[in-house]
Amino acid sequence: MESFKESGSIEYTSDILIGLEYTNNNANDRDMEARKNPRRITLTILKNRYGALGKVNYDFFTTHHTFIEK
């Protein structure tokens, strides 16, 4: 959410904000995670004006550009 604070009015005008990040989000693990196949990705709904917030975990298979929900 902090990334959207000074990006024009994205934070205020958008109805939904979604972020993707590595599930293991440590600085040291980020490089190792980027080389994995599949990569563990967390989709986070940061803002939802008309519904619930939450997180969904996925495995991202880079060879096929495919997300599979865990």
PDB file of N, CA and C in Angstrom:
ATOM      1  N   MET A   1       0.830  -1.188   0.000  1.00  0.00           N
ATOM      2  CA  MET A   1       0.000   0.000   0.000  1.00  0.00           C
ATOM      3  C   MET A   1       0.871   1.246   0.000  1.00  0.00           C
ATOM      4  N   GLU A   2       2.000   1.178   0.685  1.00  0.00           N
ATOM      5  CA  GLU A   2       2.875   2.344   0.777  1.00  0.00           C
ATOM      6  C   GLU A   2       3.407   2.754  -0.592  1.00  0.00           C
ATOM      7  N   SER A   3       3.576   1.797  -1.495  1.00  0.00           N
ATOM      8  CA  SER A   3       4.087   2.104  -2.838  1.00  0.00           C
ATOM      9  C   SER A   3       3.122   2.977  -3.625  1.00  0.00           C
ATOM     10  N   PHE A   4       1.849   2.921  -3.301  1.00  0.00           N
ATOM     11  CA  PHE A   4       0.842   3.677  -4.030  1.00  0.00           C
ATOM     12  C   PHE A   4       0.572   5.058  -3.442  1.00  0.00           C
ATOM     13  N   LYS A   5       1.170   5.386  -2.308  1.00  0.00           N
ATOM     14  CA  LYS A   5       0.872   6.636  -1.605  1.00  0.00           C
ATOM     15  C   LYS A   5       1.130   7.881  -2.455  1.00  0.00           C
ATOM     16  N   GLU A   6       2.247   7.931  -3.167  1.00  0.00           N
ATOM     17  CA  GLU A   6       2.582   9.128  -3.927  1.00  0.00           C
ATOM     18  C   GLU A   6       2.644   8.853  -5.424  1.00  0.00           C
ATOM     19  N   SER A   7       1.757   8.002  -5.906  1.00  0.00           N
ATOM     20  CA  SER A   7       1.748   7.646  -7.326  1.00  0.00           C
ATOM     21  C   SER A   7       0.529   8.262  -8.008  1.00  0.00           C
ATOM     22  N   GLY A   8       0.417   9.560  -7.922  1.00  0.00           N
ATOM     23  CA  GLY A   8      -0.768  10.212  -8.460  1.00  0.00           C
ATOM     24  C   GLY A   8      -1.920   9.960  -7.528  1.00  0.00           C
ATOM     25  N   SER A   9      -3.002   9.539  -8.081  1.00  0.00           N
ATOM     26  CA  SER A   9      -4.163   9.265  -7.231  1.00  0.00           C
ATOM     27  C   SER A   9      -4.596   7.807  -7.346  1.00  0.00           C
ATOM     28  N   ILE A  10      -3.664   6.905  -7.645  1.00  0.00           N
ATOM     29  CA  ILE A  10      -3.994   5.493  -7.791  1.00  0.00           C
ATOM     30  C   ILE A  10      -4.650   4.953  -6.530  1.00  0.00           C
ATOM     31  N   GLU A  11      -4.093   5.275  -5.388  1.00  0.00           N
ATOM     32  CA  GLU A  11      -4.625   4.757  -4.135  1.00  0.00           C
ATOM     33  C   GLU A  11      -6.064   5.211  -3.901  1.00  0.00           C
ATOM     34  N   TYR A  12      -6.377   6.423  -4.290  1.00  0.00           N
ATOM     35  CA  TYR A  12      -7.694   6.991  -3.986  1.00  0.00           C
ATOM     36  C   TYR A  12      -8.738   6.683  -5.047  1.00  0.00           C
ATOM     37  N   THR A  13      -8.340   6.576  -6.311  1.00  0.00           N
ATOM     38  CA  THR A  13      -9.322   6.385  -7.370  1.00  0.00           C
ATOM     39  C   THR A  13      -9.579   4.927  -7.723  1.00  0.00           C
ATOM     40  N   SER A  14      -8.675   4.040  -7.358  1.00  0.00           N
ATOM     41  CA  SER A  14      -8.863   2.636  -7.719  1.00  0.00           C
ATOM     42  C   SER A  14      -9.836   1.958  -6.755  1.00  0.00           C
ATOM     43  N   ASP A  15     -10.557   0.987  -7.284  1.00  0.00           N
ATOM     44  CA  ASP A  15     -11.463   0.202  -6.460  1.00  0.00           C
ATOM     45  C   ASP A  15     -10.761  -1.008  -5.859  1.00  0.00           C
ATOM     46  N   ILE A  16      -9.809  -1.557  -6.613  1.00  0.00           N
ATOM     47  CA  ILE A  16      -9.098  -2.749  -6.166  1.00  0.00           C
ATOM     48  C   ILE A  16      -7.603  -2.565  -6.405  1.00  0.00           C
ATOM     49  N   LEU A  17      -6.788  -2.907  -5.411  1.00  0.00           N
ATOM     50  CA  LEU A  17      -5.332  -2.938  -5.549  1.00  0.00           C
ATOM     51  C   LEU A  17      -4.864  -4.349  -5.223  1.00  0.00           C
ATOM     52  N   ILE A  18      -4.075  -4.929  -6.126  1.00  0.00           N
ATOM     53  CA  ILE A  18      -3.582  -6.287  -5.962  1.00  0.00           C
ATOM     54  C   ILE A  18      -2.066  -6.266  -6.065  1.00  0.00           C
ATOM     55  N   GLY A  19      -1.398  -6.972  -5.165  1.00  0.00           N
ATOM     56  CA  GLY A  19       0.058  -7.062  -5.194  1.00  0.00           C
ATOM     57  C   GLY A  19       0.509  -8.510  -5.302  1.00  0.00           C
ATOM     58  N   LEU A  20       1.626  -8.716  -5.999  1.00  0.00           N
ATOM     59  CA  LEU A  20       2.247 -10.033  -6.089  1.00  0.00           C
ATOM     60  C   LEU A  20       3.629  -9.950  -5.458  1.00  0.00           C
ATOM     61  N   GLU A  21       3.967 -10.931  -4.644  1.00  0.00           N
ATOM     62  CA  GLU A  21       5.296 -10.955  -4.039  1.00  0.00           C
ATOM     63  C   GLU A  21       5.693 -12.400  -3.795  1.00  0.00           C
ATOM     64  N   TYR A  22       7.006 -12.616  -3.676  1.00  0.00           N
ATOM     65  CA  TYR A  22       7.486 -13.940  -3.320  1.00  0.00           C
ATOM     66  C   TYR A  22       6.991 -14.273  -1.922  1.00  0.00           C
ATOM     67  N   THR A  23       6.596 -15.514  -1.707  1.00  0.00           N
ATOM     68  CA  THR A  23       6.120 -15.930  -0.393  1.00  0.00           C
ATOM     69  C   THR A  23       7.228 -15.801   0.639  1.00  0.00           C
ATOM     70  N   ASN A  24       8.446 -16.209   0.289  1.00  0.00           N
ATOM     71  CA  ASN A  24       9.606 -15.998   1.155  1.00  0.00           C
ATOM     72  C   ASN A  24      10.190 -14.654   0.768  1.00  0.00           C
ATOM     73  N   ASN A  25       9.880 -13.617   1.504  1.00  0.00           N
ATOM     74  CA  ASN A  25      10.216 -12.257   1.084  1.00  0.00           C
ATOM     75  C   ASN A  25      11.434 -11.696   1.813  1.00  0.00           C
ATOM     76  N   ASN A  26      12.375 -12.535   2.215  1.00  0.00           N
ATOM     77  CA  ASN A  26      13.618 -12.051   2.819  1.00  0.00           C
ATOM     78  C   ASN A  26      14.563 -11.590   1.728  1.00  0.00           C
ATOM     79  N   ALA A  27      15.348 -10.588   1.993  1.00  0.00           N
ATOM     80  CA  ALA A  27      16.273 -10.055   0.992  1.00  0.00           C
ATOM     81  C   ALA A  27      17.240 -11.122   0.502  1.00  0.00           C
ATOM     82  N   ASN A  28      17.726 -11.980   1.391  1.00  0.00           N
ATOM     83  CA  ASN A  28      18.672 -13.026   0.993  1.00  0.00           C
ATOM     84  C   ASN A  28      17.991 -14.123   0.187  1.00  0.00           C
ATOM     85  N   ASP A  29      16.744 -14.428   0.510  1.00  0.00           N
ATOM     86  CA  ASP A  29      16.019 -15.498  -0.170  1.00  0.00           C
ATOM     87  C   ASP A  29      15.449 -15.072  -1.514  1.00  0.00           C
ATOM     88  N   ARG A  30      15.347 -13.774  -1.765  1.00  0.00           N
ATOM     89  CA  ARG A  30      14.726 -13.275  -2.988  1.00  0.00           C
ATOM     90  C   ARG A  30      15.452 -13.765  -4.244  1.00  0.00           C
ATOM     91  N   ASP A  31      16.775 -13.711  -4.242  1.00  0.00           N
ATOM     92  CA  ASP A  31      17.542 -14.179  -5.398  1.00  0.00           C
ATOM     93  C   ASP A  31      17.394 -15.682  -5.584  1.00  0.00           C
ATOM     94  N   MET A  32      17.418 -16.407  -4.481  1.00  0.00           N
ATOM     95  CA  MET A  32      17.256 -17.847  -4.563  1.00  0.00           C
ATOM     96  C   MET A  32      15.851 -18.202  -5.042  1.00  0.00           C
ATOM     97  N   GLU A  33      14.854 -17.482  -4.547  1.00  0.00           N
ATOM     98  CA  GLU A  33      13.465 -17.731  -4.929  1.00  0.00           C
ATOM     99  C   GLU A  33      13.249 -17.431  -6.412  1.00  0.00           C
ATOM    100  N   ALA A  34      13.928 -16.428  -6.938  1.00  0.00           N
ATOM    101  CA  ALA A  34      13.781 -16.057  -8.350  1.00  0.00           C
ATOM    102  C   ALA A  34      14.322 -17.132  -9.283  1.00  0.00           C
ATOM    103  N   ARG A  35      15.208 -17.979  -8.803  1.00  0.00           N
ATOM    104  CA  ARG A  35      15.773 -19.046  -9.627  1.00  0.00           C
ATOM    105  C   ARG A  35      14.980 -20.347  -9.548  1.00  0.00           C
ATOM    106  N   LYS A  36      14.043 -20.427  -8.629  1.00  0.00           N
ATOM    107  CA  LYS A  36      13.285 -21.667  -8.444  1.00  0.00           C
ATOM    108  C   LYS A  36      12.246 -21.861  -9.549  1.00  0.00           C
ATOM    109  N   ASN A  37      11.893 -23.112  -9.757  1.00  0.00           N
ATOM    110  CA  ASN A  37      10.772 -23.448 -10.631  1.00  0.00           C
ATOM    111  C   ASN A  37      10.079 -24.651 -10.016  1.00  0.00           C
ATOM    112  N   PRO A  38       8.928 -24.548  -9.432  1.00  0.00           N
ATOM    113  CA  PRO A  38       8.054 -23.377  -9.421  1.00  0.00           C
ATOM    114  C   PRO A  38       8.450 -22.381  -8.335  1.00  0.00           C
ATOM    115  N   ARG A  39       8.057 -21.145  -8.553  1.00  0.00           N
ATOM    116  CA  ARG A  39       8.264 -20.089  -7.562  1.00  0.00           C
ATOM    117  C   ARG A  39       7.014 -19.981  -6.700  1.00  0.00           C
ATOM    118  N   ARG A  40       7.199 -19.746  -5.420  1.00  0.00           N
ATOM    119  CA  ARG A  40       6.056 -19.544  -4.521  1.00  0.00           C
ATOM    120  C   ARG A  40       5.704 -18.062  -4.523  1.00  0.00           C
ATOM    121  N   ILE A  41       4.491 -17.749  -4.943  1.00  0.00           N
ATOM    122  CA  ILE A  41       4.024 -16.378  -5.088  1.00  0.00           C
ATOM    123  C   ILE A  41       2.786 -16.179  -4.217  1.00  0.00           C
ATOM    124  N   THR A  42       2.700 -15.036  -3.575  1.00  0.00           N
ATOM    125  CA  THR A  42       1.509 -14.675  -2.805  1.00  0.00           C
ATOM    126  C   THR A  42       0.828 -13.487  -3.475  1.00  0.00           C
ATOM    127  N   LEU A  43      -0.431 -13.659  -3.822  1.00  0.00           N
ATOM    128  CA  LEU A  43      -1.257 -12.575  -4.344  1.00  0.00           C
ATOM    129  C   LEU A  43      -1.990 -11.973  -3.148  1.00  0.00           C
ATOM    130  N   THR A  44      -1.833 -10.678  -2.949  1.00  0.00           N
ATOM    131  CA  THR A  44      -2.459 -10.001  -1.816  1.00  0.00           C
ATOM    132  C   THR A  44      -3.410  -8.936  -2.329  1.00  0.00           C
ATOM    133  N   ILE A  45      -4.657  -8.998  -1.887  1.00  0.00           N
ATOM    134  CA  ILE A  45      -5.622  -7.952  -2.212  1.00  0.00           C
ATOM    135  C   ILE A  45      -5.448  -6.875  -1.154  1.00  0.00           C
ATOM    136  N   LEU A  46      -4.825  -5.769  -1.558  1.00  0.00           N
ATOM    137  CA  LEU A  46      -4.478  -4.691  -0.635  1.00  0.00           C
ATOM    138  C   LEU A  46      -5.659  -3.770  -0.349  1.00  0.00           C
ATOM    139  N   LYS A  47      -6.504  -3.596  -1.360  1.00  0.00           N
ATOM    140  CA  LYS A  47      -7.670  -2.721  -1.209  1.00  0.00           C
ATOM    141  C   LYS A  47      -8.783  -3.295  -2.056  1.00  0.00           C
ATOM    142  N   ASN A  48      -9.960  -3.384  -1.497  1.00  0.00           N
ATOM    143  CA  ASN A  48     -11.139  -3.825  -2.232  1.00  0.00           C
ATOM    144  C   ASN A  48     -12.321  -3.026  -1.713  1.00  0.00           C
ATOM    145  N   ARG A  49     -12.693  -2.035  -2.455  1.00  0.00           N
ATOM    146  CA  ARG A  49     -13.739  -1.128  -2.012  1.00  0.00           C
ATOM    147  C   ARG A  49     -15.076  -1.836  -1.817  1.00  0.00           C
ATOM    148  N   TYR A  50     -15.309  -2.921  -2.563  1.00  0.00           N
ATOM    149  CA  TYR A  50     -16.623  -3.573  -2.537  1.00  0.00           C
ATOM    150  C   TYR A  50     -16.588  -5.004  -2.004  1.00  0.00           C
ATOM    151  N   GLY A  51     -15.490  -5.415  -1.383  1.00  0.00           N
ATOM    152  CA  GLY A  51     -15.424  -6.790  -0.906  1.00  0.00           C
ATOM    153  C   GLY A  51     -14.328  -7.000   0.110  1.00  0.00           C
ATOM    154  N   ALA A  52     -13.959  -8.251   0.241  1.00  0.00           N
ATOM    155  CA  ALA A  52     -13.012  -8.666   1.281  1.00  0.00           C
ATOM    156  C   ALA A  52     -11.563  -8.501   0.830  1.00  0.00           C
ATOM    157  N   LEU A  53     -10.683  -8.401   1.810  1.00  0.00           N
ATOM    158  CA  LEU A  53      -9.243  -8.406   1.595  1.00  0.00           C
ATOM    159  C   LEU A  53      -8.743  -9.817   1.871  1.00  0.00           C
ATOM    160  N   GLY A  54      -7.565 -10.131   1.365  1.00  0.00           N
ATOM    161  CA  GLY A  54      -7.027 -11.450   1.657  1.00  0.00           C
ATOM    162  C   GLY A  54      -5.793 -11.772   0.865  1.00  0.00           C
ATOM    163  N   LYS A  55      -5.345 -13.013   1.035  1.00  0.00           N
ATOM    164  CA  LYS A  55      -4.143 -13.502   0.366  1.00  0.00           C
ATOM    165  C   LYS A  55      -4.438 -14.855  -0.256  1.00  0.00           C
ATOM    166  N   VAL A  56      -3.793 -15.123  -1.393  1.00  0.00           N
ATOM    167  CA  VAL A  56      -3.895 -16.409  -2.066  1.00  0.00           C
ATOM    168  C   VAL A  56      -2.483 -16.820  -2.452  1.00  0.00           C
ATOM    169  N   ASN A  57      -2.117 -18.049  -2.145  1.00  0.00           N
ATOM    170  CA  ASN A  57      -0.785 -18.555  -2.471  1.00  0.00           C
ATOM    171  C   ASN A  57      -0.830 -19.352  -3.766  1.00  0.00           C
ATOM    172  N   TYR A  58       0.199 -19.139  -4.592  1.00  0.00           N
ATOM    173  CA  TYR A  58       0.305 -19.812  -5.879  1.00  0.00           C
ATOM    174  C   TYR A  58       1.695 -20.376  -6.055  1.00  0.00           C
ATOM    175  N   ASP A  59       1.796 -21.387  -6.907  1.00  0.00           N
ATOM    176  CA  ASP A  59       3.068 -21.818  -7.462  1.00  0.00           C
ATOM    177  C   ASP A  59       3.104 -21.284  -8.884  1.00  0.00           C
ATOM    178  N   PHE A  60       4.189 -20.602  -9.250  1.00  0.00           N
ATOM    179  CA  PHE A  60       4.339 -20.052 -10.592  1.00  0.00           C
ATOM    180  C   PHE A  60       5.375 -20.878 -11.333  1.00  0.00           C
ATOM    181  N   PHE A  61       4.935 -21.528 -12.405  1.00  0.00           N
ATOM    182  CA  PHE A  61       5.814 -22.341 -13.229  1.00  0.00           C
ATOM    183  C   PHE A  61       6.319 -21.473 -14.375  1.00  0.00           C
ATOM    184  N   THR A  62       7.599 -21.103 -14.305  1.00  0.00           N
ATOM    185  CA  THR A  62       8.155 -20.154 -15.278  1.00  0.00           C
ATOM    186  C   THR A  62       8.223 -20.726 -16.681  1.00  0.00           C
ATOM    187  N   THR A  63       8.428 -22.016 -16.803  1.00  0.00           N
ATOM    188  CA  THR A  63       8.555 -22.605 -18.140  1.00  0.00           C
ATOM    189  C   THR A  63       7.254 -22.551 -18.922  1.00  0.00           C
ATOM    190  N   HIS A  64       6.129 -22.559 -18.222  1.00  0.00           N
ATOM    191  CA  HIS A  64       4.824 -22.530 -18.888  1.00  0.00           C
ATOM    192  C   HIS A  64       4.027 -21.252 -18.605  1.00  0.00           C
ATOM    193  N   HIS A  65       4.616 -20.324 -17.841  1.00  0.00           N
ATOM    194  CA  HIS A  65       3.933 -19.077 -17.455  1.00  0.00           C
ATOM    195  C   HIS A  65       2.548 -19.378 -16.874  1.00  0.00           C
ATOM    196  N   THR A  66       2.535 -20.285 -15.896  1.00  0.00           N
ATOM    197  CA  THR A  66       1.284 -20.768 -15.333  1.00  0.00           C
ATOM    198  C   THR A  66       1.289 -20.616 -13.824  1.00  0.00           C
ATOM    199  N   PHE A  67       0.166 -20.142 -13.272  1.00  0.00           N
ATOM    200  CA  PHE A  67      -0.047 -20.068 -11.830  1.00  0.00           C
ATOM    201  C   PHE A  67      -0.978 -21.192 -11.422  1.00  0.00           C
ATOM    202  N   ILE A  68      -0.619 -21.924 -10.370  1.00  0.00           N
ATOM    203  CA  ILE A  68      -1.480 -22.963  -9.821  1.00  0.00           C
ATOM    204  C   ILE A  68      -1.693 -22.650  -8.356  1.00  0.00           C
ATOM    205  N   GLU A  69      -2.965 -22.559  -7.966  1.00  0.00           N
ATOM    206  CA  GLU A  69      -3.295 -22.198  -6.577  1.00  0.00           C
ATOM    207  C   GLU A  69      -2.917 -23.320  -5.629  1.00  0.00           C
ATOM    208  N   LYS A  70      -2.362 -22.913  -4.477  1.00  0.00           N
ATOM    209  CA  LYS A  70      -1.981 -23.882  -3.439  1.00  0.00           C
ATOM    210  C   LYS A  70      -3.033 -23.948  -2.388  1.00  0.00           C
TER     211      LYS A  70
END
